[in-house]
């Protein structure tokens, strides 16, 4: 491809770039993972909340309580989650697109029903 590069081994303590990536936590890691699938999914998911009346009510309740809730739902950093999984509103086209992206693309790897289901369950509600 016209690139001139050399692969060199670095000890873990010397490999600062890889170490920094492995230490990313919380929302930023989640957003990186989501964006790696499809850059517009996060915006589409947020838009799905505006058309789902039940989700709108839950978000409003959480915003009024300012994060002090006894439910499994949270509203933090403008993300609506249930048990730390991003909630997807009632949008069948978006849900099909997420399923397709997690299975039928190079990132998804055509890994079959069970692995695809596990990947989806780990990220989305």
PDB file of N, CA and C in Angstrom:
ATOM      1  N   UNK A   1       0.817  -1.199   0.000  1.00  0.00           N
ATOM      2  CA  UNK A   1       0.000   0.000   0.000  1.00  0.00           C
ATOM      3  C   UNK A   1       0.859   1.261   0.000  1.00  0.00           C
ATOM      4  N   UNK A   2       2.162   1.098  -0.098  1.00  0.00           N
ATOM      5  CA  UNK A   2       3.016   2.269  -0.145  1.00  0.00           C
ATOM      6  C   UNK A   2       3.472   2.755   1.218  1.00  0.00           C
ATOM      7  N   UNK A   3       3.159   2.015   2.271  1.00  0.00           N
ATOM      8  CA  UNK A   3       3.589   2.422   3.602  1.00  0.00           C
ATOM      9  C   UNK A   3       4.878   1.696   3.958  1.00  0.00           C
ATOM     10  N   UNK A   4       5.782   2.407   4.572  1.00  0.00           N
ATOM     11  CA  UNK A   4       7.020   1.815   5.035  1.00  0.00           C
ATOM     12  C   UNK A   4       6.946   1.757   6.559  1.00  0.00           C
ATOM     13  N   UNK A   5       6.885   0.546   7.133  1.00  0.00           N
ATOM     14  CA  UNK A   5       6.754   0.427   8.578  1.00  0.00           C
ATOM     15  C   UNK A   5       7.567  -0.743   9.090  1.00  0.00           C
ATOM     16  N   UNK A   6       7.781  -0.715  10.401  1.00  0.00           N
ATOM     17  CA  UNK A   6       8.535  -1.765  11.061  1.00  0.00           C
ATOM     18  C   UNK A   6       7.799  -2.138  12.342  1.00  0.00           C
ATOM     19  N   UNK A   7       7.627  -3.421  12.582  1.00  0.00           N
ATOM     20  CA  UNK A   7       6.951  -3.892  13.784  1.00  0.00           C
ATOM     21  C   UNK A   7       8.012  -4.191  14.835  1.00  0.00           C
ATOM     22  N   UNK A   8       7.863  -3.547  16.012  1.00  0.00           N
ATOM     23  CA  UNK A   8       8.822  -3.745  17.095  1.00  0.00           C
ATOM     24  C   UNK A   8       8.079  -4.139  18.355  1.00  0.00           C
ATOM     25  N   UNK A   9       8.626  -5.099  19.090  1.00  0.00           N
ATOM     26  CA  UNK A   9       8.057  -5.506  20.365  1.00  0.00           C
ATOM     27  C   UNK A   9       8.471  -4.508  21.439  1.00  0.00           C
ATOM     28  N   UNK A  10       7.512  -4.128  22.306  1.00  0.00           N
ATOM     29  CA  UNK A  10       7.800  -3.269  23.455  1.00  0.00           C
ATOM     30  C   UNK A  10       7.237  -3.940  24.694  1.00  0.00           C
ATOM     31  N   UNK A  11       7.986  -3.895  25.778  1.00  0.00           N
ATOM     32  CA  UNK A  11       7.492  -4.423  27.040  1.00  0.00           C
ATOM     33  C   UNK A  11       6.255  -3.643  27.452  1.00  0.00           C
ATOM     34  N   UNK A  12       5.405  -4.263  28.263  1.00  0.00           N
ATOM     35  CA  UNK A  12       4.171  -3.610  28.702  1.00  0.00           C
ATOM     36  C   UNK A  12       4.389  -2.240  29.315  1.00  0.00           C
ATOM     37  N   UNK A  13       5.417  -2.094  30.158  1.00  0.00           N
ATOM     38  CA  UNK A  13       5.672  -0.809  30.815  1.00  0.00           C
ATOM     39  C   UNK A  13       6.150   0.256  29.836  1.00  0.00           C
ATOM     40  N   UNK A  14       6.738  -0.154  28.723  1.00  0.00           N
ATOM     41  CA  UNK A  14       7.224   0.787  27.720  1.00  0.00           C
ATOM     42  C   UNK A  14       6.178   1.113  26.663  1.00  0.00           C
ATOM     43  N   UNK A  15       5.155   0.282  26.539  1.00  0.00           N
ATOM     44  CA  UNK A  15       4.143   0.442  25.501  1.00  0.00           C
ATOM     45  C   UNK A  15       3.036   1.363  26.014  1.00  0.00           C
ATOM     46  N   UNK A  16       3.341   2.638  26.125  1.00  0.00           N
ATOM     47  CA  UNK A  16       2.445   3.613  26.732  1.00  0.00           C
ATOM     48  C   UNK A  16       1.164   3.785  25.924  1.00  0.00           C
ATOM     49  N   UNK A  17       1.244   3.784  24.600  1.00  0.00           N
ATOM     50  CA  UNK A  17       0.042   3.994  23.783  1.00  0.00           C
ATOM     51  C   UNK A  17      -0.962   2.873  23.990  1.00  0.00           C
ATOM     52  N   UNK A  18      -0.535   1.635  23.940  1.00  0.00           N
ATOM     53  CA  UNK A  18      -1.452   0.509  24.147  1.00  0.00           C
ATOM     54  C   UNK A  18      -1.976   0.507  25.574  1.00  0.00           C
ATOM     55  N   UNK A  19      -1.127   0.857  26.530  1.00  0.00           N
ATOM     56  CA  UNK A  19      -1.542   0.885  27.928  1.00  0.00           C
ATOM     57  C   UNK A  19      -2.635   1.927  28.147  1.00  0.00           C
ATOM     58  N   UNK A  20      -2.502   3.083  27.506  1.00  0.00           N
ATOM     59  CA  UNK A  20      -3.508   4.136  27.662  1.00  0.00           C
ATOM     60  C   UNK A  20      -4.854   3.690  27.119  1.00  0.00           C
ATOM     61  N   UNK A  21      -4.864   3.011  25.997  1.00  0.00           N
ATOM     62  CA  UNK A  21      -6.115   2.530  25.417  1.00  0.00           C
ATOM     63  C   UNK A  21      -6.749   1.476  26.312  1.00  0.00           C
ATOM     64  N   UNK A  22      -5.947   0.596  26.873  1.00  0.00           N
ATOM     65  CA  UNK A  22      -6.503  -0.463  27.715  1.00  0.00           C
ATOM     66  C   UNK A  22      -7.060   0.071  29.025  1.00  0.00           C
ATOM     67  N   UNK A  23      -6.682   1.276  29.417  1.00  0.00           N
ATOM     68  CA  UNK A  23      -7.158   1.845  30.673  1.00  0.00           C
ATOM     69  C   UNK A  23      -8.356   2.771  30.504  1.00  0.00           C
ATOM     70  N   UNK A  24      -8.839   2.959  29.292  1.00  0.00           N
ATOM     71  CA  UNK A  24     -10.019   3.781  29.075  1.00  0.00           C
ATOM     72  C   UNK A  24     -11.209   3.072  29.708  1.00  0.00           C
ATOM     73  N   UNK A  25     -12.010   3.816  30.475  1.00  0.00           N
ATOM     74  CA  UNK A  25     -13.124   3.195  31.178  1.00  0.00           C
ATOM     75  C   UNK A  25     -14.412   3.965  30.934  1.00  0.00           C
ATOM     76  N   UNK A  26     -15.508   3.333  31.377  1.00  0.00           N
ATOM     77  CA  UNK A  26     -16.802   3.992  31.432  1.00  0.00           C
ATOM     78  C   UNK A  26     -17.345   4.405  30.090  1.00  0.00           C
ATOM     79  N   UNK A  27     -17.910   5.610  30.069  1.00  0.00           N
ATOM     80  CA  UNK A  27     -18.625   6.096  28.901  1.00  0.00           C
ATOM     81  C   UNK A  27     -17.712   6.206  27.693  1.00  0.00           C
ATOM     82  N   UNK A  28     -16.484   6.670  27.867  1.00  0.00           N
ATOM     83  CA  UNK A  28     -15.631   6.870  26.707  1.00  0.00           C
ATOM     84  C   UNK A  28     -15.327   5.553  26.002  1.00  0.00           C
ATOM     85  N   UNK A  29     -15.078   4.481  26.746  1.00  0.00           N
ATOM     86  CA  UNK A  29     -14.839   3.184  26.126  1.00  0.00           C
ATOM     87  C   UNK A  29     -16.096   2.685  25.431  1.00  0.00           C
ATOM     88  N   UNK A  30     -17.235   2.854  26.067  1.00  0.00           N
ATOM     89  CA  UNK A  30     -18.499   2.440  25.475  1.00  0.00           C
ATOM     90  C   UNK A  30     -18.737   3.191  24.173  1.00  0.00           C
ATOM     91  N   UNK A  31     -18.514   4.513  24.189  1.00  0.00           N
ATOM     92  CA  UNK A  31     -18.735   5.307  22.986  1.00  0.00           C
ATOM     93  C   UNK A  31     -17.755   4.931  21.884  1.00  0.00           C
ATOM     94  N   UNK A  32     -16.501   4.626  22.240  1.00  0.00           N
ATOM     95  CA  UNK A  32     -15.539   4.177  21.233  1.00  0.00           C
ATOM     96  C   UNK A  32     -15.995   2.883  20.586  1.00  0.00           C
ATOM     97  N   UNK A  33     -16.496   1.965  21.405  1.00  0.00           N
ATOM     98  CA  UNK A  33     -16.982   0.690  20.883  1.00  0.00           C
ATOM     99  C   UNK A  33     -18.162   0.912  19.956  1.00  0.00           C
ATOM    100  N   UNK A  34     -19.106   1.738  20.381  1.00  0.00           N
ATOM    101  CA  UNK A  34     -20.290   2.008  19.581  1.00  0.00           C
ATOM    102  C   UNK A  34     -19.932   2.700  18.278  1.00  0.00           C
ATOM    103  N   UNK A  35     -19.051   3.683  18.337  1.00  0.00           N
ATOM    104  CA  UNK A  35     -18.655   4.420  17.139  1.00  0.00           C
ATOM    105  C   UNK A  35     -17.882   3.514  16.190  1.00  0.00           C
ATOM    106  N   UNK A  36     -17.162   2.526  16.736  1.00  0.00           N
ATOM    107  CA  UNK A  36     -16.430   1.616  15.859  1.00  0.00           C
ATOM    108  C   UNK A  36     -17.390   0.805  14.995  1.00  0.00           C
ATOM    109  N   UNK A  37     -18.615   0.567  15.487  1.00  0.00           N
ATOM    110  CA  UNK A  37     -19.606  -0.133  14.676  1.00  0.00           C
ATOM    111  C   UNK A  37     -20.147   0.776  13.583  1.00  0.00           C
ATOM    112  N   UNK A  38     -20.654   1.910  13.953  1.00  0.00           N
ATOM    113  CA  UNK A  38     -21.326   2.786  12.993  1.00  0.00           C
ATOM    114  C   UNK A  38     -21.381   4.170  13.627  1.00  0.00           C
ATOM    115  N   UNK A  39     -20.668   5.148  13.091  1.00  0.00           N
ATOM    116  CA  UNK A  39     -20.565   6.458  13.725  1.00  0.00           C
ATOM    117  C   UNK A  39     -21.912   7.124  14.044  1.00  0.00           C
ATOM    118  N   UNK A  40     -22.943   6.874  13.278  1.00  0.00           N
ATOM    119  CA  UNK A  40     -24.211   7.559  13.502  1.00  0.00           C
ATOM    120  C   UNK A  40     -25.159   6.804  14.431  1.00  0.00           C
ATOM    121  N   UNK A  41     -24.792   5.606  14.872  1.00  0.00           N
ATOM    122  CA  UNK A  41     -25.686   4.835  15.735  1.00  0.00           C
ATOM    123  C   UNK A  41     -26.024   5.566  17.027  1.00  0.00           C
ATOM    124  N   UNK A  42     -25.048   6.195  17.647  1.00  0.00           N
ATOM    125  CA  UNK A  42     -25.321   6.877  18.912  1.00  0.00           C
ATOM    126  C   UNK A  42     -26.375   7.960  18.721  1.00  0.00           C
ATOM    127  N   UNK A  43     -26.258   8.731  17.668  1.00  0.00           N
ATOM    128  CA  UNK A  43     -27.262   9.769  17.395  1.00  0.00           C
ATOM    129  C   UNK A  43     -28.622   9.154  17.063  1.00  0.00           C
ATOM    130  N   UNK A  44     -28.616   8.078  16.287  1.00  0.00           N
ATOM    131  CA  UNK A  44     -29.883   7.414  15.952  1.00  0.00           C
ATOM    132  C   UNK A  44     -30.540   6.830  17.193  1.00  0.00           C
ATOM    133  N   UNK A  45     -29.743   6.286  18.098  1.00  0.00           N
ATOM    134  CA  UNK A  45     -30.293   5.734  19.337  1.00  0.00           C
ATOM    135  C   UNK A  45     -30.887   6.852  20.180  1.00  0.00           C
ATOM    136  N   UNK A  46     -30.179   7.962  20.292  1.00  0.00           N
ATOM    137  CA  UNK A  46     -30.708   9.107  21.045  1.00  0.00           C
ATOM    138  C   UNK A  46     -32.007   9.604  20.417  1.00  0.00           C
ATOM    139  N   UNK A  47     -32.079   9.620  19.092  1.00  0.00           N
ATOM    140  CA  UNK A  47     -33.307  10.032  18.411  1.00  0.00           C
ATOM    141  C   UNK A  47     -34.441   9.049  18.670  1.00  0.00           C
ATOM    142  N   UNK A  48     -34.117   7.775  18.850  1.00  0.00           N
ATOM    143  CA  UNK A  48     -35.174   6.784  19.120  1.00  0.00           C
ATOM    144  C   UNK A  48     -35.849   7.053  20.460  1.00  0.00           C
ATOM    145  N   UNK A  49     -35.161   7.700  21.364  1.00  0.00           N
ATOM    146  CA  UNK A  49     -35.758   8.029  22.662  1.00  0.00           C
ATOM    147  C   UNK A  49     -36.837   9.093  22.532  1.00  0.00           C
ATOM    148  N   UNK A  50     -36.683   9.977  21.540  1.00  0.00           N
ATOM    149  CA  UNK A  50     -37.636  11.078  21.397  1.00  0.00           C
ATOM    150  C   UNK A  50     -38.981  10.609  20.849  1.00  0.00           C
ATOM    151  N   UNK A  51     -39.008   9.459  20.189  1.00  0.00           N
ATOM    152  CA  UNK A  51     -40.262   8.967  19.620  1.00  0.00           C
ATOM    153  C   UNK A  51     -40.908   7.872  20.466  1.00  0.00           C
ATOM    154  N   UNK A  52     -40.240   7.464  21.539  1.00  0.00           N
ATOM    155  CA  UNK A  52     -40.744   6.402  22.406  1.00  0.00           C
ATOM    156  C   UNK A  52     -41.258   7.051  23.698  1.00  0.00           C
ATOM    157  N   UNK A  53     -42.581   7.086  23.872  1.00  0.00           N
ATOM    158  CA  UNK A  53     -43.182   7.783  25.013  1.00  0.00           C
ATOM    159  C   UNK A  53     -42.761   7.192  26.355  1.00  0.00           C
ATOM    160  N   UNK A  54     -42.651   5.887  26.438  1.00  0.00           N
ATOM    161  CA  UNK A  54     -42.240   5.255  27.700  1.00  0.00           C
ATOM    162  C   UNK A  54     -40.809   5.661  28.065  1.00  0.00           C
ATOM    163  N   UNK A  55     -39.927   5.675  27.079  1.00  0.00           N
ATOM    164  CA  UNK A  55     -38.536   6.074  27.314  1.00  0.00           C
ATOM    165  C   UNK A  55     -38.472   7.542  27.718  1.00  0.00           C
ATOM    166  N   UNK A  56     -39.251   8.381  27.049  1.00  0.00           N
ATOM    167  CA  UNK A  56     -39.290   9.804  27.402  1.00  0.00           C
ATOM    168  C   UNK A  56     -39.690  10.011  28.856  1.00  0.00           C
ATOM    169  N   UNK A  57     -40.689   9.269  29.306  1.00  0.00           N
ATOM    170  CA  UNK A  57     -41.144   9.386  30.696  1.00  0.00           C
ATOM    171  C   UNK A  57     -40.055   8.946  31.659  1.00  0.00           C
ATOM    172  N   UNK A  58     -39.394   7.842  31.364  1.00  0.00           N
ATOM    173  CA  UNK A  58     -38.333   7.345  32.242  1.00  0.00           C
ATOM    174  C   UNK A  58     -37.167   8.330  32.320  1.00  0.00           C
ATOM    175  N   UNK A  59     -36.791   8.895  31.188  1.00  0.00           N
ATOM    176  CA  UNK A  59     -35.703   9.877  31.166  1.00  0.00           C
ATOM    177  C   UNK A  59     -36.096  11.106  31.976  1.00  0.00           C
ATOM    178  N   UNK A  60     -37.320  11.591  31.782  1.00  0.00           N
ATOM    179  CA  UNK A  60     -37.793  12.757  32.539  1.00  0.00           C
ATOM    180  C   UNK A  60     -37.764  12.500  34.040  1.00  0.00           C
ATOM    181  N   UNK A  61     -38.224  11.313  34.441  1.00  0.00           N
ATOM    182  CA  UNK A  61     -38.209  10.962  35.864  1.00  0.00           C
ATOM    183  C   UNK A  61     -36.783  10.939  36.407  1.00  0.00           C
ATOM    184  N   UNK A  62     -35.864  10.371  35.650  1.00  0.00           N
ATOM    185  CA  UNK A  62     -34.472  10.312  36.090  1.00  0.00           C
ATOM    186  C   UNK A  62     -33.839  11.697  36.164  1.00  0.00           C
ATOM    187  N   UNK A  63     -34.161  12.557  35.214  1.00  0.00           N
ATOM    188  CA  UNK A  63     -33.612  13.917  35.228  1.00  0.00           C
ATOM    189  C   UNK A  63     -34.125  14.692  36.436  1.00  0.00           C
ATOM    190  N   UNK A  64     -35.387  14.485  36.799  1.00  0.00           N
ATOM    191  CA  UNK A  64     -35.942  15.155  37.972  1.00  0.00           C
ATOM    192  C   UNK A  64     -35.297  14.650  39.260  1.00  0.00           C
ATOM    193  N   UNK A  65     -34.973  13.377  39.287  1.00  0.00           N
ATOM    194  CA  UNK A  65     -34.361  12.781  40.480  1.00  0.00           C
ATOM    195  C   UNK A  65     -32.855  13.024  40.516  1.00  0.00           C
ATOM    196  N   UNK A  66     -32.289  13.572  39.462  1.00  0.00           N
ATOM    197  CA  UNK A  66     -30.863  13.866  39.338  1.00  0.00           C
ATOM    198  C   UNK A  66     -30.005  12.646  39.674  1.00  0.00           C
ATOM    199  N   UNK A  67     -30.339  11.527  39.053  1.00  0.00           N
ATOM    200  CA  UNK A  67     -29.538  10.317  39.182  1.00  0.00           C
ATOM    201  C   UNK A  67     -29.795   9.502  40.432  1.00  0.00           C
ATOM    202  N   UNK A  68     -30.645   9.961  41.335  1.00  0.00           N
ATOM    203  CA  UNK A  68     -30.935   9.212  42.556  1.00  0.00           C
ATOM    204  C   UNK A  68     -32.175   8.363  42.332  1.00  0.00           C
ATOM    205  N   UNK A  69     -31.957   7.167  41.835  1.00  0.00           N
ATOM    206  CA  UNK A  69     -33.072   6.299  41.489  1.00  0.00           C
ATOM    207  C   UNK A  69     -32.852   4.907  42.055  1.00  0.00           C
ATOM    208  N   UNK A  70     -33.942   4.254  42.386  1.00  0.00           N
ATOM    209  CA  UNK A  70     -33.831   2.892  42.892  1.00  0.00           C
ATOM    210  C   UNK A  70     -34.008   1.866  41.773  1.00  0.00           C
ATOM    211  N   UNK A  71     -34.272   2.321  40.568  1.00  0.00           N
ATOM    212  CA  UNK A  71     -34.445   1.397  39.439  1.00  0.00           C
ATOM    213  C   UNK A  71     -33.088   1.054  38.841  1.00  0.00           C
ATOM    214  N   UNK A  72     -33.096   0.217  37.856  1.00  0.00           N
ATOM    215  CA  UNK A  72     -31.871  -0.155  37.153  1.00  0.00           C
ATOM    216  C   UNK A  72     -31.525   0.843  36.061  1.00  0.00           C
ATOM    217  N   UNK A  73     -32.383   1.829  35.843  1.00  0.00           N
ATOM    218  CA  UNK A  73     -32.162   2.804  34.785  1.00  0.00           C
ATOM    219  C   UNK A  73     -31.326   3.974  35.302  1.00  0.00           C
ATOM    220  N   UNK A  74     -30.460   4.496  34.422  1.00  0.00           N
ATOM    221  CA  UNK A  74     -29.662   5.674  34.773  1.00  0.00           C
ATOM    222  C   UNK A  74     -29.657   6.660  33.612  1.00  0.00           C
ATOM    223  N   UNK A  75     -29.496   7.909  33.956  1.00  0.00           N
ATOM    224  CA  UNK A  75     -29.315   8.981  32.977  1.00  0.00           C
ATOM    225  C   UNK A  75     -28.034   9.694  33.377  1.00  0.00           C
ATOM    226  N   UNK A  76     -26.969   9.468  32.595  1.00  0.00           N
ATOM    227  CA  UNK A  76     -25.675  10.049  32.918  1.00  0.00           C
ATOM    228  C   UNK A  76     -24.957  10.384  31.625  1.00  0.00           C
ATOM    229  N   UNK A  77     -24.334  11.554  31.582  1.00  0.00           N
ATOM    230  CA  UNK A  77     -23.610  12.008  30.392  1.00  0.00           C
ATOM    231  C   UNK A  77     -24.499  11.976  29.149  1.00  0.00           C
ATOM    232  N   UNK A  78     -25.764  12.325  29.344  1.00  0.00           N
ATOM    233  CA  UNK A  78     -26.763  12.358  28.270  1.00  0.00           C
ATOM    234  C   UNK A  78     -26.972  10.994  27.614  1.00  0.00           C
ATOM    235  N   UNK A  79     -26.738   9.929  28.380  1.00  0.00           N
ATOM    236  CA  UNK A  79     -26.984   8.577  27.893  1.00  0.00           C
ATOM    237  C   UNK A  79     -27.966   7.894  28.828  1.00  0.00           C
ATOM    238  N   UNK A  80     -28.955   7.232  28.235  1.00  0.00           N
ATOM    239  CA  UNK A  80     -29.986   6.517  28.980  1.00  0.00           C
ATOM    240  C   UNK A  80     -29.648   5.035  28.939  1.00  0.00           C
ATOM    241  N   UNK A  81     -29.436   4.474  30.127  1.00  0.00           N
ATOM    242  CA  UNK A  81     -29.010   3.080  30.202  1.00  0.00           C
ATOM    243  C   UNK A  81     -29.856   2.297  31.198  1.00  0.00           C
ATOM    244  N   UNK A  82     -29.848   1.003  31.011  1.00  0.00           N
ATOM    245  CA  UNK A  82     -30.416   0.072  31.982  1.00  0.00           C
ATOM    246  C   UNK A  82     -29.327  -0.937  32.295  1.00  0.00           C
ATOM    247  N   UNK A  83     -28.954  -1.014  33.548  1.00  0.00           N
ATOM    248  CA  UNK A  83     -27.862  -1.894  33.999  1.00  0.00           C
ATOM    249  C   UNK A  83     -26.623  -1.688  33.129  1.00  0.00           C
ATOM    250  N   UNK A  84     -26.298  -0.439  32.876  1.00  0.00           N
ATOM    251  CA  UNK A  84     -25.114  -0.015  32.122  1.00  0.00           C
ATOM    252  C   UNK A  84     -25.149  -0.414  30.640  1.00  0.00           C
ATOM    253  N   UNK A  85     -26.321  -0.744  30.114  1.00  0.00           N
ATOM    254  CA  UNK A  85     -26.480  -1.050  28.693  1.00  0.00           C
ATOM    255  C   UNK A  85     -27.317   0.050  28.064  1.00  0.00           C
ATOM    256  N   UNK A  86     -26.920   0.508  26.905  1.00  0.00           N
ATOM    257  CA  UNK A  86     -27.616   1.592  26.240  1.00  0.00           C
ATOM    258  C   UNK A  86     -29.010   1.154  25.824  1.00  0.00           C
ATOM    259  N   UNK A  87     -30.015   1.943  26.197  1.00  0.00           N
ATOM    260  CA  UNK A  87     -31.404   1.632  25.862  1.00  0.00           C
ATOM    261  C   UNK A  87     -31.676   2.064  24.425  1.00  0.00           C
ATOM    262  N   UNK A  88     -32.262   1.166  23.652  1.00  0.00           N
ATOM    263  CA  UNK A  88     -32.663   1.471  22.280  1.00  0.00           C
ATOM    264  C   UNK A  88     -34.177   1.591  22.283  1.00  0.00           C
ATOM    265  N   UNK A  89     -34.690   2.725  21.811  1.00  0.00           N
ATOM    266  CA  UNK A  89     -36.131   2.966  21.786  1.00  0.00           C
ATOM    267  C   UNK A  89     -36.843   2.082  20.770  1.00  0.00           C
ATOM    268  N   UNK A  90     -38.166   2.226  20.713  1.00  0.00           N
ATOM    269  CA  UNK A  90     -38.995   1.424  19.814  1.00  0.00           C
ATOM    270  C   UNK A  90     -38.830   1.910  18.374  1.00  0.00           C
ATOM    271  N   UNK A  91     -37.756   1.492  17.737  1.00  0.00           N
ATOM    272  CA  UNK A  91     -37.464   1.847  16.344  1.00  0.00           C
ATOM    273  C   UNK A  91     -36.985   0.571  15.651  1.00  0.00           C
ATOM    274  N   UNK A  92     -37.902  -0.093  14.959  1.00  0.00           N
ATOM    275  CA  UNK A  92     -37.582  -1.400  14.377  1.00  0.00           C
ATOM    276  C   UNK A  92     -36.496  -1.313  13.314  1.00  0.00           C
ATOM    277  N   UNK A  93     -36.432  -0.234  12.559  1.00  0.00           N
ATOM    278  CA  UNK A  93     -35.402  -0.087  11.526  1.00  0.00           C
ATOM    279  C   UNK A  93     -34.030   0.040  12.182  1.00  0.00           C
ATOM    280  N   UNK A  94     -33.943   0.856  13.233  1.00  0.00           N
ATOM    281  CA  UNK A  94     -32.684   1.005  13.957  1.00  0.00           C
ATOM    282  C   UNK A  94     -32.251  -0.323  14.563  1.00  0.00           C
ATOM    283  N   UNK A  95     -33.177  -1.046  15.151  1.00  0.00           N
ATOM    284  CA  UNK A  95     -32.846  -2.336  15.765  1.00  0.00           C
ATOM    285  C   UNK A  95     -32.321  -3.320  14.724  1.00  0.00           C
ATOM    286  N   UNK A  96     -32.941  -3.339  13.543  1.00  0.00           N
ATOM    287  CA  UNK A  96     -32.462  -4.222  12.473  1.00  0.00           C
ATOM    288  C   UNK A  96     -31.073  -3.799  12.010  1.00  0.00           C
ATOM    289  N   UNK A  97     -30.838  -2.491  11.926  1.00  0.00           N
ATOM    290  CA  UNK A  97     -29.527  -1.993  11.510  1.00  0.00           C
ATOM    291  C   UNK A  97     -28.443  -2.360  12.530  1.00  0.00           C
ATOM    292  N   UNK A  98     -28.766  -2.267  13.814  1.00  0.00           N
ATOM    293  CA  UNK A  98     -27.807  -2.652  14.853  1.00  0.00           C
ATOM    294  C   UNK A  98     -27.509  -4.144  14.757  1.00  0.00           C
ATOM    295  N   UNK A  99     -28.544  -4.939  14.588  1.00  0.00           N
ATOM    296  CA  UNK A  99     -28.371  -6.387  14.442  1.00  0.00           C
ATOM    297  C   UNK A  99     -27.499  -6.702  13.235  1.00  0.00           C
ATOM    298  N   UNK A 100     -27.795  -6.059  12.119  1.00  0.00           N
ATOM    299  CA  UNK A 100     -27.025  -6.285  10.896  1.00  0.00           C
ATOM    300  C   UNK A 100     -25.559  -5.894  11.105  1.00  0.00           C
ATOM    301  N   UNK A 101     -25.333  -4.750  11.747  1.00  0.00           N
ATOM    302  CA  UNK A 101     -23.973  -4.268  11.974  1.00  0.00           C
ATOM    303  C   UNK A 101     -23.189  -5.199  12.899  1.00  0.00           C
ATOM    304  N   UNK A 102     -23.861  -5.744  13.905  1.00  0.00           N
ATOM    305  CA  UNK A 102     -23.195  -6.634  14.866  1.00  0.00           C
ATOM    306  C   UNK A 102     -23.005  -8.044  14.325  1.00  0.00           C
ATOM    307  N   UNK A 103     -23.614  -8.347  13.179  1.00  0.00           N
ATOM    308  CA  UNK A 103     -23.463  -9.690  12.622  1.00  0.00           C
ATOM    309  C   UNK A 103     -22.831  -9.692  11.235  1.00  0.00           C
ATOM    310  N   UNK A 104     -23.349  -8.897  10.339  1.00  0.00           N
ATOM    311  CA  UNK A 104     -23.047  -9.072   8.919  1.00  0.00           C
ATOM    312  C   UNK A 104     -21.915  -8.209   8.384  1.00  0.00           C
ATOM    313  N   UNK A 105     -21.218  -7.485   9.225  1.00  0.00           N
ATOM    314  CA  UNK A 105     -20.130  -6.646   8.743  1.00  0.00           C
ATOM    315  C   UNK A 105     -18.801  -7.265   9.152  1.00  0.00           C
ATOM    316  N   UNK A 106     -17.726  -6.655   8.676  1.00  0.00           N
ATOM    317  CA  UNK A 106     -16.393  -7.132   9.071  1.00  0.00           C
ATOM    318  C   UNK A 106     -16.213  -7.026  10.580  1.00  0.00           C
ATOM    319  N   UNK A 107     -16.758  -5.988  11.197  1.00  0.00           N
ATOM    320  CA  UNK A 107     -16.657  -5.818  12.644  1.00  0.00           C
ATOM    321  C   UNK A 107     -17.437  -6.913  13.370  1.00  0.00           C
ATOM    322  N   UNK A 108     -18.580  -7.280  12.836  1.00  0.00           N
ATOM    323  CA  UNK A 108     -19.398  -8.324  13.451  1.00  0.00           C
ATOM    324  C   UNK A 108     -18.851  -9.715  13.205  1.00  0.00           C
ATOM    325  N   UNK A 109     -18.310  -9.927  12.039  1.00  0.00           N
ATOM    326  CA  UNK A 109     -17.611 -11.168  11.741  1.00  0.00           C
ATOM    327  C   UNK A 109     -18.465 -12.370  11.401  1.00  0.00           C
ATOM    328  N   UNK A 110     -19.752 -12.211  11.120  1.00  0.00           N
ATOM    329  CA  UNK A 110     -20.622 -13.348  10.793  1.00  0.00           C
ATOM    330  C   UNK A 110     -20.426 -14.477  11.805  1.00  0.00           C
ATOM    331  N   UNK A 111     -20.472 -14.122  13.084  1.00  0.00           N
ATOM    332  CA  UNK A 111     -20.081 -15.083  14.111  1.00  0.00           C
ATOM    333  C   UNK A 111     -21.196 -15.998  14.584  1.00  0.00           C
ATOM    334  N   UNK A 112     -22.352 -15.973  13.945  1.00  0.00           N
ATOM    335  CA  UNK A 112     -23.437 -16.871  14.316  1.00  0.00           C
ATOM    336  C   UNK A 112     -24.428 -16.241  15.272  1.00  0.00           C
ATOM    337  N   UNK A 113     -25.484 -16.983  15.543  1.00  0.00           N
ATOM    338  CA  UNK A 113     -26.590 -16.468  16.347  1.00  0.00           C
ATOM    339  C   UNK A 113     -26.166 -16.187  17.788  1.00  0.00           C
ATOM    340  N   UNK A 114     -25.591 -17.182  18.452  1.00  0.00           N
ATOM    341  CA  UNK A 114     -25.269 -17.027  19.877  1.00  0.00           C
ATOM    342  C   UNK A 114     -24.231 -15.927  20.132  1.00  0.00           C
ATOM    343  N   UNK A 115     -23.089 -15.908  19.435  1.00  0.00           N
ATOM    344  CA  UNK A 115     -22.127 -14.825  19.685  1.00  0.00           C
ATOM    345  C   UNK A 115     -22.681 -13.435  19.358  1.00  0.00           C
ATOM    346  N   UNK A 116     -23.477 -13.340  18.294  1.00  0.00           N
ATOM    347  CA  UNK A 116     -24.082 -12.051  17.950  1.00  0.00           C
ATOM    348  C   UNK A 116     -25.053 -11.626  19.038  1.00  0.00           C
ATOM    349  N   UNK A 117     -25.866 -12.552  19.523  1.00  0.00           N
ATOM    350  CA  UNK A 117     -26.820 -12.251  20.596  1.00  0.00           C
ATOM    351  C   UNK A 117     -26.077 -11.801  21.861  1.00  0.00           C
ATOM    352  N   UNK A 118     -24.988 -12.466  22.197  1.00  0.00           N
ATOM    353  CA  UNK A 118     -24.208 -12.095  23.376  1.00  0.00           C
ATOM    354  C   UNK A 118     -23.611 -10.700  23.226  1.00  0.00           C
ATOM    355  N   UNK A 119     -23.115 -10.379  22.040  1.00  0.00           N
ATOM    356  CA  UNK A 119     -22.548  -9.051  21.788  1.00  0.00           C
ATOM    357  C   UNK A 119     -23.623  -7.982  21.938  1.00  0.00           C
ATOM    358  N   UNK A 120     -24.791  -8.245  21.372  1.00  0.00           N
ATOM    359  CA  UNK A 120     -25.887  -7.285  21.478  1.00  0.00           C
ATOM    360  C   UNK A 120     -26.326  -7.106  22.931  1.00  0.00           C
ATOM    361  N   UNK A 121     -26.472  -8.229  23.666  1.00  0.00           N
ATOM    362  CA  UNK A 121     -26.884  -8.169  25.061  1.00  0.00           C
ATOM    363  C   UNK A 121     -25.894  -7.411  25.938  1.00  0.00           C
ATOM    364  N   UNK A 122     -24.639  -7.477  25.597  1.00  0.00           N
ATOM    365  CA  UNK A 122     -23.628  -6.812  26.425  1.00  0.00           C
ATOM    366  C   UNK A 122     -23.625  -5.296  26.242  1.00  0.00           C
ATOM    367  N   UNK A 123     -24.171  -4.814  25.128  1.00  0.00           N
ATOM    368  CA  UNK A 123     -24.119  -3.386  24.840  1.00  0.00           C
ATOM    369  C   UNK A 123     -25.477  -2.686  24.892  1.00  0.00           C
ATOM    370  N   UNK A 124     -26.554  -3.387  24.522  1.00  0.00           N
ATOM    371  CA  UNK A 124     -27.846  -2.730  24.328  1.00  0.00           C
ATOM    372  C   UNK A 124     -28.955  -3.377  25.142  1.00  0.00           C
ATOM    373  N   UNK A 125     -29.952  -2.538  25.485  1.00  0.00           N
ATOM    374  CA  UNK A 125     -31.176  -3.016  26.124  1.00  0.00           C
ATOM    375  C   UNK A 125     -32.343  -2.528  25.291  1.00  0.00           C
TER     376      UNK A 125
END
